[in-house]
Amino acid sequence: MKANERLNALEVALNNEMNERQFYLNNAERTRNPVGKAMFARIADDELEHYEMLKKLHAEWTANGKWPDTVPLTVNKTSVKTILQRMVDESKDAPASDSDDLAAVQAAAQFESKGVDLYRELAEASTDKKEKEFFMLLSGIEREHFLSLKDMEEFIRNPSAWYTAKERHGMDGA
């Protein structure tokens, strides 16, 4: 992939990050379930951080015509995978998720899966070590979001099976 194609893909990523952030904020506001609220809010914050970093990167790249040397190319690790377990423990008597929550989680998982692929493709297309590492980092974070959302989907679909799998209860009565 040529530099201008990678820059165009970066512009797509910028647009996606903001659209996804708004989706997560809307669903954090909509759901009555505190687990879903916390999960959607955390991912929305992560998406904003990605957007801000990509925006700086885009500005530098556009101005200089190459991958920047001066943009700090790090992002915070996401804490989204710990939210589901923590919030489930804290919210035993919370309102149950509904079909809208399930649909939102499924749509979000699709967004994140596409993000994993996009950032991985950008990394694979790069010959610059820093660029490759940066996009692999973003791909990894999007993958964590995807896996957490799939975990949330399982929790919504079948909470008792989710508890059994996560808490590793013995089935032999011991």
Protein backbone atom coordinates (compact mmCIF):
# COMPACT_ATOMS: atom_id res chain seq x y z
CA MET A 1 0.00 0.00 0.00
CA LYS A 2 1.40 3.38 -1.00
CA ALA A 3 1.79 6.24 1.47
CA ASN A 4 -1.21 8.13 0.06
CA GLU A 5 -3.37 4.99 0.38
CA ARG A 6 -2.26 4.57 4.01
CA LEU A 7 -3.06 8.24 4.63
CA ASN A 8 -6.52 7.74 3.10
CA ALA A 9 -7.02 4.68 5.31
CA LEU A 10 -6.01 6.80 8.28
CA GLU A 11 -8.73 9.31 7.34
CA VAL A 12 -11.25 6.46 7.27
CA ALA A 13 -10.00 5.38 10.71
CA LEU A 14 -10.46 8.93 12.05
CA ASN A 15 -14.04 8.99 10.83
CA ASN A 16 -14.72 5.51 12.21
CA GLU A 17 -13.33 6.35 15.65
CA MET A 18 -15.64 9.36 16.02
CA ASN A 19 -18.70 7.52 14.70
CA GLU A 20 -18.02 4.60 17.03
CA ARG A 21 -17.47 6.93 19.98
CA GLN A 22 -20.86 8.52 19.38
CA PHE A 23 -22.46 5.07 19.08
CA TYR A 24 -20.96 4.04 22.44
CA LEU A 25 -22.00 7.30 24.13
CA ASN A 26 -25.55 6.96 22.82
CA ASN A 27 -25.78 3.40 24.10
CA ALA A 28 -24.22 4.26 27.48
CA GLU A 29 -26.97 6.86 27.83
CA ARG A 30 -29.74 4.57 26.55
CA THR A 31 -29.16 1.39 28.52
CA ARG A 32 -30.53 0.99 32.03
CA ASN A 33 -28.07 -1.78 32.80
CA PRO A 34 -25.04 -0.44 34.74
CA VAL A 35 -22.78 -3.12 33.27
CA GLY A 36 -23.61 -2.03 29.73
CA LYS A 37 -23.39 1.63 30.76
CA ALA A 38 -19.87 1.16 32.13
CA MET A 39 -18.69 -0.94 29.19
CA PHE A 40 -20.00 1.48 26.57
CA ALA A 41 -18.62 4.52 28.42
CA ARG A 42 -15.14 2.97 28.79
CA ILE A 43 -14.93 2.04 25.11
CA ALA A 44 -16.17 5.53 24.16
CA ASP A 45 -13.29 7.00 26.17
CA ASP A 46 -10.82 4.66 24.44
CA GLU A 47 -12.18 5.65 21.03
CA LEU A 48 -11.75 9.34 21.86
CA GLU A 49 -8.13 8.71 22.83
CA HIS A 50 -7.55 6.85 19.56
CA TYR A 51 -9.17 9.68 17.62
CA GLU A 52 -7.02 12.34 19.27
CA MET A 53 -3.82 10.40 18.60
CA LEU A 54 -4.81 9.67 14.99
CA LYS A 55 -5.72 13.34 14.48
CA LYS A 56 -2.24 14.45 15.62
CA LEU A 57 -0.67 11.77 13.50
CA HIS A 58 -2.72 12.79 10.45
CA ALA A 59 -1.80 16.47 10.84
CA GLU A 60 1.92 15.68 11.07
CA TRP A 61 1.82 13.19 8.22
CA THR A 62 -0.09 15.60 5.98
CA ALA A 63 2.24 18.49 6.76
CA ASN A 64 5.46 16.51 6.22
CA GLY A 65 4.37 13.91 3.68
CA LYS A 66 5.73 11.07 5.82
CA TRP A 67 5.29 9.25 9.09
CA PRO A 68 6.08 11.81 11.82
CA ASP A 69 9.15 11.67 14.02
CA THR A 70 7.79 13.91 16.78
CA VAL A 71 4.25 12.68 17.51
CA PRO A 72 4.21 10.65 20.73
CA LEU A 73 2.97 7.35 19.39
CA THR A 74 1.63 5.64 22.45
CA VAL A 75 -1.87 5.07 23.72
CA ASN A 76 -3.12 3.94 27.10
CA LYS A 77 -3.96 0.30 27.49
CA THR A 78 -7.68 -0.30 27.72
CA SER A 79 -9.28 -1.44 30.98
CA VAL A 80 -12.42 -2.65 29.26
CA LYS A 81 -11.82 -6.37 29.89
CA THR A 82 -12.00 -5.88 33.67
CA ILE A 83 -15.19 -3.84 33.57
CA LEU A 84 -17.62 -6.68 32.91
CA GLN A 85 -16.50 -8.83 35.86
CA ARG A 86 -16.23 -5.88 38.26
CA MET A 87 -19.58 -4.38 37.28
CA VAL A 88 -21.40 -7.72 37.35
CA ASP A 89 -20.14 -8.24 40.90
CA GLU A 90 -21.28 -4.73 41.91
CA SER A 91 -24.63 -4.83 40.09
CA LYS A 92 -26.31 -8.08 41.13
CA ASP A 93 -29.74 -6.41 41.45
CA ALA A 94 -29.42 -4.12 38.43
CA PRO A 95 -31.96 -4.05 35.62
CA ALA A 96 -31.42 -6.83 33.11
CA SER A 97 -30.17 -6.11 29.63
CA ASP A 98 -32.74 -6.03 26.88
CA SER A 99 -32.81 -6.83 23.16
CA ASP A 100 -31.58 -3.31 22.36
CA ASP A 101 -28.52 -3.93 24.54
CA LEU A 102 -27.84 -7.20 22.75
CA ALA A 103 -28.19 -5.54 19.33
CA ALA A 104 -25.86 -2.70 20.39
CA VAL A 105 -23.24 -5.12 21.69
CA GLN A 106 -23.40 -7.16 18.49
CA ALA A 107 -23.08 -4.04 16.32
CA ALA A 108 -20.19 -2.80 18.45
CA ALA A 109 -18.40 -6.14 18.11
CA GLN A 110 -18.65 -5.79 14.33
CA PHE A 111 -17.17 -2.27 14.49
CA GLU A 112 -14.29 -3.49 16.61
CA SER A 113 -13.62 -6.47 14.36
CA LYS A 114 -13.36 -4.14 11.38
CA GLY A 115 -11.02 -1.90 13.39
CA VAL A 116 -8.78 -4.87 14.19
CA ASP A 117 -8.54 -5.67 10.50
CA LEU A 118 -8.01 -2.06 9.37
CA TYR A 119 -5.21 -1.35 11.82
CA ARG A 120 -3.57 -4.70 11.12
CA GLU A 121 -3.66 -3.98 7.38
CA LEU A 122 -2.11 -0.55 7.97
CA ALA A 123 0.63 -2.16 10.06
CA GLU A 124 1.31 -4.82 7.44
CA ALA A 125 1.46 -2.18 4.70
CA SER A 126 4.07 -0.15 6.52
CA THR A 127 7.82 -0.45 6.27
CA ASP A 128 8.42 2.06 9.08
CA LYS A 129 8.98 0.25 12.40
CA LYS A 130 7.26 2.91 14.55
CA GLU A 131 4.28 3.07 12.21
CA LYS A 132 3.95 -0.71 12.20
CA GLU A 133 4.15 -0.89 16.01
CA PHE A 134 1.62 1.90 16.46
CA PHE A 135 -0.99 0.30 14.23
CA MET A 136 -0.41 -3.12 15.78
CA LEU A 137 -0.98 -1.55 19.21
CA LEU A 138 -4.28 -0.06 18.02
CA SER A 139 -5.25 -3.36 16.43
CA GLY A 140 -4.57 -5.12 19.73
CA ILE A 141 -6.69 -2.66 21.70
CA GLU A 142 -9.55 -3.01 19.22
CA ARG A 143 -9.22 -6.78 19.62
CA GLU A 144 -9.54 -6.43 23.39
CA HIS A 145 -12.70 -4.38 22.84
CA PHE A 146 -14.02 -7.06 20.48
CA LEU A 147 -13.34 -9.89 22.94
CA SER A 148 -14.89 -7.93 25.82
CA LEU A 149 -17.99 -7.22 23.75
CA LYS A 150 -18.31 -10.90 22.83
CA ASP A 151 -18.02 -11.68 26.55
CA MET A 152 -20.76 -9.11 27.25
CA GLU A 153 -22.88 -10.70 24.53
CA GLU A 154 -22.57 -14.08 26.25
CA PHE A 155 -23.48 -12.49 29.57
CA ILE A 156 -26.61 -10.93 28.06
CA ARG A 157 -27.65 -14.11 26.26
CA ASN A 158 -27.08 -16.54 29.11
CA PRO A 159 -26.00 -15.06 32.44
CA SER A 160 -25.99 -18.38 34.30
CA ALA A 161 -23.68 -20.00 31.74
CA TRP A 162 -21.49 -16.90 31.85
CA TYR A 163 -21.23 -17.12 35.66
CA THR A 164 -20.43 -20.82 35.45
CA ALA A 165 -17.67 -20.25 32.90
CA LYS A 166 -16.18 -17.20 34.61
CA GLU A 167 -16.37 -18.39 38.17
CA ARG A 168 -15.29 -21.95 37.33
CA HIS A 169 -17.80 -23.63 39.60
CA GLY A 170 -17.46 -27.37 39.88
CA MET A 171 -20.27 -29.39 38.41
CA ASP A 172 -19.72 -32.45 40.61
CA GLY A 173 -21.44 -31.02 43.68
CA ALA A 174 -18.19 -30.87 45.65
